[in-house]
Amino acid sequence: MRWWKWLGLAGLAGVAATGAVTVRAERRRRAYTPEEIRGRLHERVAEAAGRREPG
């Protein structure tokens, strides 16, 4: 095979791998309930407010 065919196949494999990673991350993100997300956000805000120096 010519080098450009190998390059095309490598590109196609890269696109497929990126799609698989994206789908997995989206599935993991959607697994949280709205209450869990809200609770985590409240924790992060409280943590950030505790680090903030009085100004």
N, C-alpha and C. Protein backbone atom coordinates (compact mmCIF):
# COMPACT_ATOMS: atom_id res chain seq x y z
N MET A 1 0.85 -1.19 0.00
CA MET A 1 0.00 0.00 0.00
C MET A 1 0.88 1.24 0.00
N ARG A 2 0.34 2.26 -0.55
CA ARG A 2 1.07 3.52 -0.55
C ARG A 2 0.96 4.20 0.80
N TRP A 3 1.92 5.09 1.07
CA TRP A 3 1.98 5.76 2.37
C TRP A 3 0.73 6.57 2.65
N TRP A 4 0.10 7.16 1.64
CA TRP A 4 -1.09 7.99 1.86
C TRP A 4 -2.29 7.14 2.25
N LYS A 5 -2.30 5.89 1.83
CA LYS A 5 -3.37 4.99 2.26
C LYS A 5 -3.22 4.67 3.74
N TRP A 6 -1.97 4.43 4.17
CA TRP A 6 -1.73 4.17 5.58
C TRP A 6 -2.09 5.39 6.42
N LEU A 7 -1.76 6.56 5.92
CA LEU A 7 -2.08 7.79 6.62
C LEU A 7 -3.61 7.95 6.74
N GLY A 8 -4.32 7.62 5.70
CA GLY A 8 -5.79 7.69 5.73
C GLY A 8 -6.38 6.70 6.72
N LEU A 9 -5.85 5.49 6.73
CA LEU A 9 -6.33 4.49 7.68
C LEU A 9 -6.04 4.89 9.12
N ALA A 10 -4.87 5.49 9.35
CA ALA A 10 -4.53 5.96 10.70
C ALA A 10 -5.47 7.09 11.11
N GLY A 11 -5.77 7.98 10.20
CA GLY A 11 -6.70 9.06 10.49
C GLY A 11 -8.09 8.54 10.81
N LEU A 12 -8.54 7.57 10.06
CA LEU A 12 -9.85 6.96 10.31
C LEU A 12 -9.89 6.28 11.68
N ALA A 13 -8.82 5.59 12.02
CA ALA A 13 -8.75 4.95 13.35
C ALA A 13 -8.75 6.00 14.45
N GLY A 14 -8.08 7.12 14.23
CA GLY A 14 -8.07 8.20 15.21
C GLY A 14 -9.44 8.81 15.41
N VAL A 15 -10.17 9.01 14.34
CA VAL A 15 -11.52 9.55 14.43
C VAL A 15 -12.43 8.59 15.19
N ALA A 16 -12.32 7.31 14.90
CA ALA A 16 -13.14 6.31 15.59
C ALA A 16 -12.82 6.26 17.08
N ALA A 17 -11.54 6.33 17.42
CA ALA A 17 -11.14 6.29 18.84
C ALA A 17 -11.63 7.54 19.57
N THR A 18 -11.53 8.70 18.93
CA THR A 18 -12.01 9.94 19.54
C THR A 18 -13.52 9.87 19.77
N GLY A 19 -14.24 9.33 18.82
CA GLY A 19 -15.69 9.18 18.97
C GLY A 19 -16.04 8.26 20.13
N ALA A 20 -15.30 7.19 20.28
CA ALA A 20 -15.57 6.26 21.38
C ALA A 20 -15.32 6.91 22.73
N VAL A 21 -14.24 7.68 22.84
CA VAL A 21 -13.94 8.37 24.09
C VAL A 21 -15.01 9.41 24.40
N THR A 22 -15.45 10.13 23.39
CA THR A 22 -16.49 11.15 23.58
C THR A 22 -17.80 10.53 24.03
N VAL A 23 -18.18 9.42 23.44
CA VAL A 23 -19.42 8.74 23.81
C VAL A 23 -19.34 8.24 25.25
N ARG A 24 -18.20 7.70 25.64
CA ARG A 24 -18.04 7.21 27.00
C ARG A 24 -18.14 8.35 28.01
N ALA A 25 -17.51 9.47 27.71
CA ALA A 25 -17.57 10.63 28.61
C ALA A 25 -18.99 11.18 28.71
N GLU A 26 -19.70 11.22 27.61
CA GLU A 26 -21.08 11.72 27.62
C GLU A 26 -21.97 10.78 28.43
N ARG A 27 -21.78 9.49 28.28
CA ARG A 27 -22.57 8.52 29.04
C ARG A 27 -22.32 8.66 30.53
N ARG A 28 -21.06 8.87 30.91
CA ARG A 28 -20.70 9.04 32.31
C ARG A 28 -21.31 10.34 32.86
N ARG A 29 -21.30 11.40 32.05
CA ARG A 29 -21.85 12.68 32.48
C ARG A 29 -23.36 12.58 32.69
N ARG A 30 -24.04 11.89 31.82
CA ARG A 30 -25.50 11.78 31.91
C ARG A 30 -25.95 10.81 33.01
N ALA A 31 -25.04 10.07 33.60
CA ALA A 31 -25.40 9.10 34.63
C ALA A 31 -25.77 9.78 35.95
N TYR A 32 -25.38 11.05 36.12
CA TYR A 32 -25.68 11.77 37.36
C TYR A 32 -27.12 12.25 37.35
N THR A 33 -27.76 12.19 38.51
CA THR A 33 -29.09 12.75 38.64
C THR A 33 -28.95 14.26 38.86
N PRO A 34 -29.99 15.02 38.59
CA PRO A 34 -29.92 16.47 38.82
C PRO A 34 -29.59 16.82 40.27
N GLU A 35 -30.07 16.02 41.22
CA GLU A 35 -29.78 16.29 42.63
C GLU A 35 -28.29 16.10 42.93
N GLU A 36 -27.68 15.07 42.31
CA GLU A 36 -26.26 14.84 42.52
C GLU A 36 -25.43 15.99 41.94
N ILE A 37 -25.81 16.44 40.76
CA ILE A 37 -25.09 17.55 40.14
C ILE A 37 -25.22 18.81 40.98
N ARG A 38 -26.42 19.09 41.44
CA ARG A 38 -26.67 20.28 42.27
C ARG A 38 -25.85 20.21 43.56
N GLY A 39 -25.82 19.05 44.19
CA GLY A 39 -25.05 18.87 45.42
C GLY A 39 -23.56 19.08 45.19
N ARG A 40 -23.05 18.54 44.09
CA ARG A 40 -21.63 18.70 43.79
C ARG A 40 -21.29 20.16 43.51
N LEU A 41 -22.18 20.86 42.81
CA LEU A 41 -21.94 22.28 42.54
C LEU A 41 -21.95 23.09 43.82
N HIS A 42 -22.87 22.78 44.72
CA HIS A 42 -22.91 23.49 46.01
C HIS A 42 -21.62 23.25 46.80
N GLU A 43 -21.12 22.01 46.76
CA GLU A 43 -19.87 21.70 47.45
C GLU A 43 -18.70 22.49 46.87
N ARG A 44 -18.65 22.58 45.55
CA ARG A 44 -17.57 23.31 44.90
C ARG A 44 -17.63 24.80 45.20
N VAL A 45 -18.83 25.36 45.23
CA VAL A 45 -18.98 26.78 45.55
C VAL A 45 -18.56 27.04 46.99
N ALA A 46 -18.97 26.17 47.90
CA ALA A 46 -18.60 26.35 49.30
C ALA A 46 -17.09 26.22 49.47
N GLU A 47 -16.49 25.29 48.77
CA GLU A 47 -15.04 25.10 48.84
C GLU A 47 -14.31 26.33 48.28
N ALA A 48 -14.80 26.86 47.17
CA ALA A 48 -14.17 28.03 46.57
C ALA A 48 -14.34 29.26 47.46
N ALA A 49 -15.49 29.38 48.11
CA ALA A 49 -15.72 30.53 49.00
C ALA A 49 -14.82 30.43 50.23
N GLY A 50 -14.49 29.24 50.67
CA GLY A 50 -13.61 29.06 51.83
C GLY A 50 -12.18 29.42 51.51
N ARG A 51 -11.76 29.29 50.25
CA ARG A 51 -10.40 29.61 49.85
C ARG A 51 -10.21 31.09 49.59
N ARG A 52 -11.29 31.78 49.31
CA ARG A 52 -11.22 33.18 48.95
C ARG A 52 -10.73 34.02 50.12
N GLU A 53 -9.79 34.88 49.87
CA GLU A 53 -9.26 35.75 50.92
C GLU A 53 -10.16 36.97 51.07
N PRO A 54 -10.35 37.45 52.28
CA PRO A 54 -11.16 38.66 52.46
C PRO A 54 -10.48 39.84 51.78
N GLY A 55 -11.28 40.59 51.06
CA GLY A 55 -10.70 41.68 50.31
C GLY A 55 -11.41 42.90 50.52
